[in-house]
């Protein structure tokens, strides 16, 4: 527990603003996901939006990452690098974005359809999103990280999908990745206790096929090992003395 940072009321208020900027950036990206748009165009507009709001794109330069947004398409799970790639009709695009405001980070993600998706793709996206909300039902002081993890995994697997195991959620605050890790799988009652003032990113990464993944030669892009579709949904949340507060909340997401 000693390495888990409990946020003060002042820090939490700063994180609320970081979260609002980050959530709005995700909404902007969602609105841009359409056939004919390049991933570089989305990255450029999101970076401009974050900087216009007085924040910094958290991802830009993070461990050498070359862009402000991760844009992962179809069988790409996470960390897709924006570039000249054109989005096509029926693609599903996972948008992962972070903004740092006054030294504190907001981190969120979502998967969106370009045009009209298949029923299978829509099912995957819906399961991924709902698994987040199933998980955070247990994001209450006195419970444990494993309670969130177990709820996510159970919901996903009961709906015929699988959770990625190589990558997990995490604490978030003055840096993007803090303790504790927040897996999307595991046993209830295990892991660190949840305490009021903790801020964590819960982020189910869900595959339509098996959970196995592989990393491309660019060192960043993660794909499903079997070529199946993948979706991602994430919010930064605050543990309170009651229901969790979603710091990156957006009405449309």
C-alpha atoms as a PDB file:
ATOM      1  CA  UNK A   1       0.000   0.000   0.000  1.00  0.00           C
ATOM      2  CA  UNK A   2       2.938   2.306   0.694  1.00  0.00           C
ATOM      3  CA  UNK A   3       3.612   2.971  -2.987  1.00  0.00           C
ATOM      4  CA  UNK A   4      -0.026   3.769  -3.803  1.00  0.00           C
ATOM      5  CA  UNK A   5      -0.494   7.534  -3.760  1.00  0.00           C
ATOM      6  CA  UNK A   6      -3.643   8.834  -2.081  1.00  0.00           C
ATOM      7  CA  UNK A   7      -4.656  12.167  -3.592  1.00  0.00           C
ATOM      8  CA  UNK A   8      -5.460  15.271  -1.559  1.00  0.00           C
ATOM      9  CA  UNK A   9      -8.644  17.286  -2.232  1.00  0.00           C
ATOM     10  CA  UNK A  10      -6.522  19.853  -4.116  1.00  0.00           C
ATOM     11  CA  UNK A  11      -4.958  17.160  -6.288  1.00  0.00           C
ATOM     12  CA  UNK A  12      -8.356  15.608  -6.961  1.00  0.00           C
ATOM     13  CA  UNK A  13      -9.753  18.930  -8.164  1.00  0.00           C
ATOM     14  CA  UNK A  14      -6.832  19.320 -10.575  1.00  0.00           C
ATOM     15  CA  UNK A  15      -7.419  15.762 -11.798  1.00  0.00           C
ATOM     16  CA  UNK A  16     -11.073  16.559 -12.416  1.00  0.00           C
ATOM     17  CA  UNK A  17     -10.031  19.310 -14.827  1.00  0.00           C
ATOM     18  CA  UNK A  18      -7.419  17.077 -16.461  1.00  0.00           C
ATOM     19  CA  UNK A  19     -10.141  14.476 -16.838  1.00  0.00           C
ATOM     20  CA  UNK A  20     -12.583  16.910 -18.426  1.00  0.00           C
ATOM     21  CA  UNK A  21     -10.013  17.955 -21.017  1.00  0.00           C
ATOM     22  CA  UNK A  22      -9.095  14.344 -21.728  1.00  0.00           C
ATOM     23  CA  UNK A  23     -12.717  13.238 -22.074  1.00  0.00           C
ATOM     24  CA  UNK A  24     -13.427  16.104 -24.458  1.00  0.00           C
ATOM     25  CA  UNK A  25     -10.395  15.125 -26.529  1.00  0.00           C
ATOM     26  CA  UNK A  26     -11.733  11.569 -26.769  1.00  0.00           C
ATOM     27  CA  UNK A  27     -15.104  12.932 -27.910  1.00  0.00           C
ATOM     28  CA  UNK A  28     -13.381  15.024 -30.581  1.00  0.00           C
ATOM     29  CA  UNK A  29     -11.563  11.950 -31.834  1.00  0.00           C
ATOM     30  CA  UNK A  30     -14.802   9.958 -31.874  1.00  0.00           C
ATOM     31  CA  UNK A  31     -16.463  12.634 -33.982  1.00  0.00           C
ATOM     32  CA  UNK A  32     -13.583  12.474 -36.471  1.00  0.00           C
ATOM     33  CA  UNK A  33     -13.647   8.685 -36.913  1.00  0.00           C
ATOM     34  CA  UNK A  34     -15.068   8.316 -40.425  1.00  0.00           C
ATOM     35  CA  UNK A  35     -14.216   6.702 -43.762  1.00  0.00           C
ATOM     36  CA  UNK A  36     -11.545   8.673 -45.640  1.00  0.00           C
ATOM     37  CA  UNK A  37      -9.979  10.292 -42.562  1.00  0.00           C
ATOM     38  CA  UNK A  38      -6.353   9.493 -41.775  1.00  0.00           C
ATOM     39  CA  UNK A  39      -5.161   8.622 -38.298  1.00  0.00           C
ATOM     40  CA  UNK A  40      -2.647  11.472 -38.532  1.00  0.00           C
ATOM     41  CA  UNK A  41      -5.484  13.960 -39.024  1.00  0.00           C
ATOM     42  CA  UNK A  42      -7.147  12.810 -35.808  1.00  0.00           C
ATOM     43  CA  UNK A  43      -3.869  12.955 -33.917  1.00  0.00           C
ATOM     44  CA  UNK A  44      -3.164  16.487 -35.133  1.00  0.00           C
ATOM     45  CA  UNK A  45      -6.596  17.825 -34.160  1.00  0.00           C
ATOM     46  CA  UNK A  46      -6.559  16.170 -30.745  1.00  0.00           C
ATOM     47  CA  UNK A  47      -3.112  17.553 -29.966  1.00  0.00           C
ATOM     48  CA  UNK A  48      -4.260  21.042 -30.971  1.00  0.00           C
ATOM     49  CA  UNK A  49      -7.369  20.721 -28.789  1.00  0.00           C
ATOM     50  CA  UNK A  50      -5.428  19.589 -25.712  1.00  0.00           C
ATOM     51  CA  UNK A  51      -2.841  22.350 -26.074  1.00  0.00           C
ATOM     52  CA  UNK A  52      -5.527  24.982 -26.759  1.00  0.00           C
ATOM     53  CA  UNK A  53      -7.020  24.063 -23.388  1.00  0.00           C
ATOM     54  CA  UNK A  54      -3.731  24.708 -21.595  1.00  0.00           C
ATOM     55  CA  UNK A  55      -2.797  21.059 -21.149  1.00  0.00           C
ATOM     56  CA  UNK A  56      -0.088  18.817 -22.569  1.00  0.00           C
ATOM     57  CA  UNK A  57      -0.652  15.616 -24.554  1.00  0.00           C
ATOM     58  CA  UNK A  58       0.520  13.027 -22.034  1.00  0.00           C
ATOM     59  CA  UNK A  59       1.390  10.383 -24.605  1.00  0.00           C
ATOM     60  CA  UNK A  60       3.600  12.587 -26.773  1.00  0.00           C
ATOM     61  CA  UNK A  61       7.181  11.522 -26.095  1.00  0.00           C
ATOM     62  CA  UNK A  62       6.156   9.091 -23.338  1.00  0.00           C
ATOM     63  CA  UNK A  63       8.893   6.432 -23.432  1.00  0.00           C
ATOM     64  CA  UNK A  64       9.563   7.691 -26.942  1.00  0.00           C
ATOM     65  CA  UNK A  65       5.993   7.401 -28.254  1.00  0.00           C
ATOM     66  CA  UNK A  66       5.809   9.696 -31.309  1.00  0.00           C
ATOM     67  CA  UNK A  67       2.188  10.926 -31.196  1.00  0.00           C
ATOM     68  CA  UNK A  68      -0.491  12.423 -28.939  1.00  0.00           C
ATOM     69  CA  UNK A  69      -3.089   9.682 -29.414  1.00  0.00           C
ATOM     70  CA  UNK A  70      -2.999   5.906 -29.785  1.00  0.00           C
ATOM     71  CA  UNK A  71      -5.265   4.886 -32.687  1.00  0.00           C
ATOM     72  CA  UNK A  72      -5.707   1.147 -33.067  1.00  0.00           C
ATOM     73  CA  UNK A  73      -7.831  -0.276 -35.882  1.00  0.00           C
ATOM     74  CA  UNK A  74      -9.722  -3.589 -36.099  1.00  0.00           C
ATOM     75  CA  UNK A  75      -7.326  -6.321 -34.864  1.00  0.00           C
ATOM     76  CA  UNK A  76      -5.007  -3.763 -33.242  1.00  0.00           C
ATOM     77  CA  UNK A  77      -5.506  -3.850 -29.478  1.00  0.00           C
ATOM     78  CA  UNK A  78      -3.584  -0.785 -28.251  1.00  0.00           C
ATOM     79  CA  UNK A  79      -0.716   1.589 -29.056  1.00  0.00           C
ATOM     80  CA  UNK A  80      -1.401   1.979 -32.778  1.00  0.00           C
ATOM     81  CA  UNK A  81       0.728   4.870 -34.082  1.00  0.00           C
ATOM     82  CA  UNK A  82      -1.087   7.544 -36.133  1.00  0.00           C
ATOM     83  CA  UNK A  83       0.151   8.115 -39.669  1.00  0.00           C
ATOM     84  CA  UNK A  84      -0.971   8.089 -43.292  1.00  0.00           C
ATOM     85  CA  UNK A  85      -3.335   5.157 -42.775  1.00  0.00           C
ATOM     86  CA  UNK A  86      -6.831   5.884 -44.062  1.00  0.00           C
ATOM     87  CA  UNK A  87      -9.852   4.727 -42.071  1.00  0.00           C
ATOM     88  CA  UNK A  88     -12.315   2.685 -44.131  1.00  0.00           C
ATOM     89  CA  UNK A  89     -16.040   1.984 -43.943  1.00  0.00           C
ATOM     90  CA  UNK A  90     -16.774  -0.545 -41.216  1.00  0.00           C
ATOM     91  CA  UNK A  91     -13.445  -0.154 -39.410  1.00  0.00           C
ATOM     92  CA  UNK A  92     -13.528  -0.039 -35.631  1.00  0.00           C
ATOM     93  CA  UNK A  93     -11.065   2.458 -34.207  1.00  0.00           C
ATOM     94  CA  UNK A  94      -9.828   2.424 -30.619  1.00  0.00           C
ATOM     95  CA  UNK A  95      -8.867   5.890 -29.389  1.00  0.00           C
ATOM     96  CA  UNK A  96      -6.641   6.165 -26.299  1.00  0.00           C
ATOM     97  CA  UNK A  97      -5.726   9.657 -25.126  1.00  0.00           C
ATOM     98  CA  UNK A  98      -4.185  11.398 -22.141  1.00  0.00           C
ATOM     99  CA  UNK A  99      -3.904  15.040 -21.118  1.00  0.00           C
ATOM    100  CA  UNK A 100      -1.733  16.513 -18.368  1.00  0.00           C
ATOM    101  CA  UNK A 101      -3.027  19.665 -16.691  1.00  0.00           C
ATOM    102  CA  UNK A 102      -1.106  21.408 -13.897  1.00  0.00           C
ATOM    103  CA  UNK A 103       1.026  18.300 -13.510  1.00  0.00           C
ATOM    104  CA  UNK A 104      -1.772  15.720 -13.249  1.00  0.00           C
ATOM    105  CA  UNK A 105      -2.973  13.212 -15.822  1.00  0.00           C
ATOM    106  CA  UNK A 106      -6.329  12.204 -17.241  1.00  0.00           C
ATOM    107  CA  UNK A 107      -6.392   8.958 -19.236  1.00  0.00           C
ATOM    108  CA  UNK A 108      -9.299   7.459 -21.183  1.00  0.00           C
ATOM    109  CA  UNK A 109     -10.154   5.393 -24.248  1.00  0.00           C
ATOM    110  CA  UNK A 110     -13.045   4.154 -26.358  1.00  0.00           C
ATOM    111  CA  UNK A 111     -13.688   2.173 -29.535  1.00  0.00           C
ATOM    112  CA  UNK A 112     -15.778   3.717 -32.299  1.00  0.00           C
ATOM    113  CA  UNK A 113     -17.185   2.671 -35.662  1.00  0.00           C
ATOM    114  CA  UNK A 114     -16.410   4.314 -39.003  1.00  0.00           C
ATOM    115  CA  UNK A 115     -19.723   4.216 -40.840  1.00  0.00           C
ATOM    116  CA  UNK A 116     -21.635   0.978 -40.336  1.00  0.00           C
ATOM    117  CA  UNK A 117     -20.192  -1.918 -38.346  1.00  0.00           C
ATOM    118  CA  UNK A 118     -20.989  -5.602 -38.425  1.00  0.00           C
ATOM    119  CA  UNK A 119     -23.187  -7.031 -35.681  1.00  0.00           C
ATOM    120  CA  UNK A 120     -20.140  -8.884 -34.357  1.00  0.00           C
ATOM    121  CA  UNK A 121     -18.161  -5.641 -34.089  1.00  0.00           C
ATOM    122  CA  UNK A 122     -21.027  -3.840 -32.373  1.00  0.00           C
ATOM    123  CA  UNK A 123     -21.358  -6.718 -29.903  1.00  0.00           C
ATOM    124  CA  UNK A 124     -17.639  -6.580 -29.078  1.00  0.00           C
ATOM    125  CA  UNK A 125     -17.697  -2.815 -28.509  1.00  0.00           C
ATOM    126  CA  UNK A 126     -20.811  -3.027 -26.319  1.00  0.00           C
ATOM    127  CA  UNK A 127     -19.377  -5.875 -24.222  1.00  0.00           C
ATOM    128  CA  UNK A 128     -16.112  -3.999 -23.738  1.00  0.00           C
ATOM    129  CA  UNK A 129     -17.832  -0.819 -22.610  1.00  0.00           C
ATOM    130  CA  UNK A 130     -20.262  -2.575 -20.292  1.00  0.00           C
ATOM    131  CA  UNK A 131     -17.487  -4.646 -18.729  1.00  0.00           C
ATOM    132  CA  UNK A 132     -15.976  -1.394 -17.446  1.00  0.00           C
ATOM    133  CA  UNK A 133     -19.235  -0.493 -15.720  1.00  0.00           C
ATOM    134  CA  UNK A 134     -19.594  -4.016 -14.334  1.00  0.00           C
ATOM    135  CA  UNK A 135     -16.097  -3.666 -12.908  1.00  0.00           C
ATOM    136  CA  UNK A 136     -16.531  -0.299 -11.264  1.00  0.00           C
ATOM    137  CA  UNK A 137     -19.607  -1.507  -9.382  1.00  0.00           C
ATOM    138  CA  UNK A 138     -16.920  -2.886  -7.067  1.00  0.00           C
ATOM    139  CA  UNK A 139     -14.715   0.227  -7.073  1.00  0.00           C
ATOM    140  CA  UNK A 140     -15.599   1.148  -3.522  1.00  0.00           C
ATOM    141  CA  UNK A 141     -13.487   1.752  -0.446  1.00  0.00           C
ATOM    142  CA  UNK A 142     -13.006  -1.503   1.448  1.00  0.00           C
ATOM    143  CA  UNK A 143     -13.124  -3.707  -1.636  1.00  0.00           C
ATOM    144  CA  UNK A 144     -10.026  -4.927  -3.459  1.00  0.00           C
ATOM    145  CA  UNK A 145      -8.580  -4.472  -6.942  1.00  0.00           C
ATOM    146  CA  UNK A 146      -9.329  -8.133  -7.624  1.00  0.00           C
ATOM    147  CA  UNK A 147     -13.049  -7.487  -7.155  1.00  0.00           C
ATOM    148  CA  UNK A 148     -12.954  -5.107 -10.137  1.00  0.00           C
ATOM    149  CA  UNK A 149     -10.781  -7.496 -12.141  1.00  0.00           C
ATOM    150  CA  UNK A 150     -13.016 -10.496 -11.513  1.00  0.00           C
ATOM    151  CA  UNK A 151     -16.189  -8.614 -12.443  1.00  0.00           C
ATOM    152  CA  UNK A 152     -14.693  -7.440 -15.749  1.00  0.00           C
ATOM    153  CA  UNK A 153     -13.437 -10.901 -16.682  1.00  0.00           C
ATOM    154  CA  UNK A 154     -16.679 -12.632 -15.733  1.00  0.00           C
ATOM    155  CA  UNK A 155     -18.829 -10.286 -17.794  1.00  0.00           C
ATOM    156  CA  UNK A 156     -16.559 -10.460 -20.841  1.00  0.00           C
ATOM    157  CA  UNK A 157     -16.244 -14.236 -20.848  1.00  0.00           C
ATOM    158  CA  UNK A 158     -19.961 -14.749 -20.216  1.00  0.00           C
ATOM    159  CA  UNK A 159     -20.522 -12.774 -23.417  1.00  0.00           C
ATOM    160  CA  UNK A 160     -18.246 -14.897 -25.560  1.00  0.00           C
ATOM    161  CA  UNK A 161     -15.157 -12.664 -25.646  1.00  0.00           C
ATOM    162  CA  UNK A 162     -11.763 -12.705 -23.897  1.00  0.00           C
ATOM    163  CA  UNK A 163      -9.755 -10.191 -21.881  1.00  0.00           C
ATOM    164  CA  UNK A 164      -6.183  -9.314 -22.801  1.00  0.00           C
ATOM    165  CA  UNK A 165      -3.792 -10.409 -20.058  1.00  0.00           C
ATOM    166  CA  UNK A 166      -0.502  -8.886 -21.190  1.00  0.00           C
ATOM    167  CA  UNK A 167      -1.655  -5.308 -20.518  1.00  0.00           C
ATOM    168  CA  UNK A 168      -3.603  -3.955 -17.557  1.00  0.00           C
ATOM    169  CA  UNK A 169      -5.087  -0.835 -16.024  1.00  0.00           C
ATOM    170  CA  UNK A 170      -3.117   1.202 -13.498  1.00  0.00           C
ATOM    171  CA  UNK A 171      -3.014   3.948 -10.953  1.00  0.00           C
ATOM    172  CA  UNK A 172      -2.848   7.440 -12.409  1.00  0.00           C
ATOM    173  CA  UNK A 173      -1.902  10.830 -10.978  1.00  0.00           C
ATOM    174  CA  UNK A 174       1.187  12.989 -11.376  1.00  0.00           C
ATOM    175  CA  UNK A 175       2.426  10.349 -13.822  1.00  0.00           C
ATOM    176  CA  UNK A 176       0.390   8.239 -16.213  1.00  0.00           C
ATOM    177  CA  UNK A 177       1.306   4.889 -14.696  1.00  0.00           C
ATOM    178  CA  UNK A 178       1.305   4.619 -10.914  1.00  0.00           C
ATOM    179  CA  UNK A 179       0.694   1.728  -8.563  1.00  0.00           C
ATOM    180  CA  UNK A 180      -1.423  -0.332  -8.382  1.00  0.00           C
ATOM    181  CA  UNK A 181      -1.839  -2.439 -11.487  1.00  0.00           C
ATOM    182  CA  UNK A 182      -5.519  -3.044 -12.297  1.00  0.00           C
ATOM    183  CA  UNK A 183      -5.827  -6.296 -14.271  1.00  0.00           C
ATOM    184  CA  UNK A 184      -8.982  -7.151 -16.212  1.00  0.00           C
ATOM    185  CA  UNK A 185      -8.845 -10.725 -14.931  1.00  0.00           C
ATOM    186  CA  UNK A 186      -8.304 -12.406 -11.605  1.00  0.00           C
ATOM    187  CA  UNK A 187      -9.888 -13.563  -8.385  1.00  0.00           C
ATOM    188  CA  UNK A 188     -12.232 -11.540  -6.217  1.00  0.00           C
ATOM    189  CA  UNK A 189     -10.892 -10.577  -2.815  1.00  0.00           C
ATOM    190  CA  UNK A 190      -7.280 -10.376  -4.001  1.00  0.00           C
ATOM    191  CA  UNK A 191      -4.946  -7.452  -4.593  1.00  0.00           C
ATOM    192  CA  UNK A 192      -4.540  -4.083  -2.882  1.00  0.00           C
ATOM    193  CA  UNK A 193      -7.423  -2.668  -0.869  1.00  0.00           C
ATOM    194  CA  UNK A 194      -9.312   0.267  -2.366  1.00  0.00           C
ATOM    195  CA  UNK A 195      -9.052   3.422  -0.266  1.00  0.00           C
ATOM    196  CA  UNK A 196     -10.770   6.797  -0.554  1.00  0.00           C
ATOM    197  CA  UNK A 197      -8.550   9.158  -2.551  1.00  0.00           C
ATOM    198  CA  UNK A 198      -7.086   6.515  -4.881  1.00  0.00           C
ATOM    199  CA  UNK A 199      -7.240   7.358  -8.582  1.00  0.00           C
ATOM    200  CA  UNK A 200      -7.064   4.462 -11.033  1.00  0.00           C
ATOM    201  CA  UNK A 201      -7.540   3.838 -14.736  1.00  0.00           C
ATOM    202  CA  UNK A 202      -9.831   0.872 -15.344  1.00  0.00           C
ATOM    203  CA  UNK A 203      -9.422  -0.192 -18.962  1.00  0.00           C
ATOM    204  CA  UNK A 204     -10.814  -3.433 -20.337  1.00  0.00           C
ATOM    205  CA  UNK A 205      -9.050  -4.557 -23.537  1.00  0.00           C
ATOM    206  CA  UNK A 206     -11.263  -7.209 -25.066  1.00  0.00           C
ATOM    207  CA  UNK A 207     -10.756  -9.546 -28.015  1.00  0.00           C
ATOM    208  CA  UNK A 208     -13.434 -11.281 -30.042  1.00  0.00           C
ATOM    209  CA  UNK A 209     -11.168 -14.346 -30.244  1.00  0.00           C
ATOM    210  CA  UNK A 210      -8.461 -15.555 -27.887  1.00  0.00           C
ATOM    211  CA  UNK A 211      -6.734 -13.296 -25.378  1.00  0.00           C
ATOM    212  CA  UNK A 212      -3.246 -13.742 -26.848  1.00  0.00           C
ATOM    213  CA  UNK A 213      -1.557 -10.747 -28.502  1.00  0.00           C
ATOM    214  CA  UNK A 214       1.642  -9.900 -30.347  1.00  0.00           C
ATOM    215  CA  UNK A 215       3.697  -6.709 -30.714  1.00  0.00           C
ATOM    216  CA  UNK A 216       4.628  -5.473 -34.192  1.00  0.00           C
ATOM    217  CA  UNK A 217       8.148  -4.572 -35.258  1.00  0.00           C
ATOM    218  CA  UNK A 218       7.493  -0.874 -34.588  1.00  0.00           C
ATOM    219  CA  UNK A 219       7.766  -1.830 -30.911  1.00  0.00           C
ATOM    220  CA  UNK A 220       4.410  -0.255 -30.072  1.00  0.00           C
ATOM    221  CA  UNK A 221       1.425  -1.613 -31.974  1.00  0.00           C
ATOM    222  CA  UNK A 222      -0.214  -4.585 -30.239  1.00  0.00           C
ATOM    223  CA  UNK A 223      -2.404  -6.904 -32.326  1.00  0.00           C
ATOM    224  CA  UNK A 224      -4.527  -9.927 -31.549  1.00  0.00           C
ATOM    225  CA  UNK A 225      -2.543 -13.106 -32.182  1.00  0.00           C
ATOM    226  CA  UNK A 226      -5.416 -14.704 -34.108  1.00  0.00           C
ATOM    227  CA  UNK A 227      -6.401 -11.654 -36.176  1.00  0.00           C
ATOM    228  CA  UNK A 228      -9.734 -11.213 -34.400  1.00  0.00           C
ATOM    229  CA  UNK A 229     -11.216  -7.792 -33.659  1.00  0.00           C
ATOM    230  CA  UNK A 230     -10.310  -5.983 -30.442  1.00  0.00           C
ATOM    231  CA  UNK A 231     -11.932  -3.133 -28.493  1.00  0.00           C
ATOM    232  CA  UNK A 232     -10.808  -0.883 -25.631  1.00  0.00           C
ATOM    233  CA  UNK A 233     -12.699   1.218 -23.102  1.00  0.00           C
ATOM    234  CA  UNK A 234     -11.114   3.220 -20.290  1.00  0.00           C
ATOM    235  CA  UNK A 235     -11.805   5.925 -17.767  1.00  0.00           C
ATOM    236  CA  UNK A 236      -9.879   7.437 -14.891  1.00  0.00           C
ATOM    237  CA  UNK A 237     -11.888   6.986 -11.701  1.00  0.00           C
ATOM    238  CA  UNK A 238     -11.683   8.261  -8.135  1.00  0.00           C
ATOM    239  CA  UNK A 239     -12.377   6.039  -5.144  1.00  0.00           C
ATOM    240  CA  UNK A 240     -14.677   7.913  -2.745  1.00  0.00           C
ATOM    241  CA  UNK A 241     -16.543   7.004   0.429  1.00  0.00           C
ATOM    242  CA  UNK A 242     -19.451   5.932  -1.802  1.00  0.00           C
ATOM    243  CA  UNK A 243     -19.883   5.372  -5.532  1.00  0.00           C
ATOM    244  CA  UNK A 244     -16.738   5.894  -7.644  1.00  0.00           C
ATOM    245  CA  UNK A 245     -16.437   9.165  -9.531  1.00  0.00           C
ATOM    246  CA  UNK A 246     -15.551   8.933 -13.221  1.00  0.00           C
ATOM    247  CA  UNK A 247     -13.060  11.766 -13.756  1.00  0.00           C
ATOM    248  CA  UNK A 248     -13.094  11.335 -17.558  1.00  0.00           C
ATOM    249  CA  UNK A 249     -16.868  11.117 -17.834  1.00  0.00           C
ATOM    250  CA  UNK A 250     -18.566  12.079 -21.094  1.00  0.00           C
ATOM    251  CA  UNK A 251     -22.338  11.974 -21.654  1.00  0.00           C
ATOM    252  CA  UNK A 252     -21.999  10.377 -25.100  1.00  0.00           C
ATOM    253  CA  UNK A 253     -19.516   7.715 -24.015  1.00  0.00           C
END
